[in-house]
Amino acid sequence: MRRLFLLIFLISSGIQAQETDDGYSFSLEKAIRFGLENNYSSVNAQRDIDIAIKQKWEIIAQGLPQLGAITDYQNYLKQPVTLLPGEIAGEEPGTFVPVVFGTKHNLNATATWNQLIFDGSYIVGIQSAKTLLQISKNAKTKTNHEVKKAIINAYGNVLLAEESVEILEKNVANVEKNYNETKEIYKNGLAEEEDVEQLEITLLRLKNNLSRSRRMQDISYDVLKLSLGLPVETPVELTEDLDELAMEYFDMGLLETQIPVEENIDYRIAENRAQSAEIQVKLEKSKALPSLSGFLNYGVQGFSQEFTFFNSDQEYFGQSILGISLNIPIFSSGMRGARTQQKKIAYEQAILELEETRNDVLRKINSAKIEYEYSLENFQTQKKNLELSERIERKNQIKFFEGVGSSFELSEAQRQLYTAQQDFLQSMLNVITNKAELENLLDTTNYPDEN
């Protein structure tokens, strides 16, 4: 039993985000799984499926037997009086005798069984309920795609902000060291004042960028927490580095992946709209068909001058009715035909939009592959540019302190290095986000039709 408990613990700890007393710790995959379960939009999308399931059974139940009961009790505080001709009671002709009919206390109890026998709109309604459920499931899949993309983007932006802060802190430390050394050299008369001023400008610019990057880091964390469905005050720690994550997202084979357009979620949603439009046409046509329903009821009545309905000797009188109701639409002055034509036109529009969606999905997949392939190439280019910029900056720094290079040349080399650093970070993020976009387009996840 102890080994079983340990096994369950190890399995559960491997698939859940690590929650500590100080907050949460996430890898990207754990963050995605956590967000798909806890993101506000994802939770509500699942609730939409639950609602659609209940609506489906609500519609089905309309064609099943319906049983109801009603009980009426009447106590005539003042019974109504009816006037009868006096001749009945031996009075003079032309006179009337007041008479009270019935008893002071009346009790009626009736149970009724209603059954729909045939209704064309009911059959169409069941089809509509199934389509609504599928729409909700596809909407859930689409929401999951959007949530996954948002989490990947937010996670990547946090890593980008952290890397930017770390690089800028190193740059500030290096330039500050150069600035202090150059000031001492200037005091000894071996450097120009402009050299000191140029380094000071660079240092101030770096400190300003560092301050901004720290603020962006805080904002990025808040965006990530929101996409995960966590309160913004919850501490969160990320366990991956941007460069490692970018290398994990290198997948040239993804560029060769092909799927049937019909399995793309955007196409399936457009197909749902066309199916709904077709059902609306069927619904309008079904309204021209007759409907047939039946009912059976049974009731009892009790009468008494006193409230004796719970006495064993109280007499009750039974009654029962069996009946059917047939409703036949005959003439609507063209109203039903006009409505049917409207729905047919809407259906034709939905079919045209479906064809447009097919082409748009193909375009999006092709475009996403191009973007992803370019991001892989750009990553290699920016990595090489960074290596070159670092070498150029080191050479210019050596020249500057040896007195054979100007502060302007050093400043330009540093500016080029800082730009290359940010471009390289952005290229890594682009690899991650572009792959996520392509994976969403190629995803064929579908909910089983089990409800």
Foldseek 3Di string as FASTA:
>chain_A
DVVVVVVVVVVVVVQEWDQDPQFTEDELNNLLVLLCVAAPVLVVLVVQLVVLVVQLVVLVCVQPKDKDKDKDKAAAPPFDWDWDACVVVPDDGPDTDIDGDFARIKMKMKMKIKHWDDFLLSVLVNVLSLLSSQLSQLVSLVVSLVLSLQLLLLVLQLLLLVVLLVVLVVVLVVLVVVLVVVVVCVVVVNDDPVLNVLSVVVNVVSVVVNVVSVVSNLVSQQSNCNSSNHHSVGDYHYDDHLVVVLVVLDDPVLLVDDDPLCLFSLLVNLVSQLSNLVSQLSSLVSVQAKTKMKMKMKMKMFGDNDPCVVPPPTDIDMDMDIDMDIDHDDDDPCPSVVSSVVSVVSSVVSVVVSVVSSVVLVVQLVVLSVQLVVLVVQLVVLVVQLVVLVVLLVVQVVCVVVPNHGSVSNSVSVVSNSVSSSSNSVSSSSNSSSSSSNCSSSDSDRDDPPD
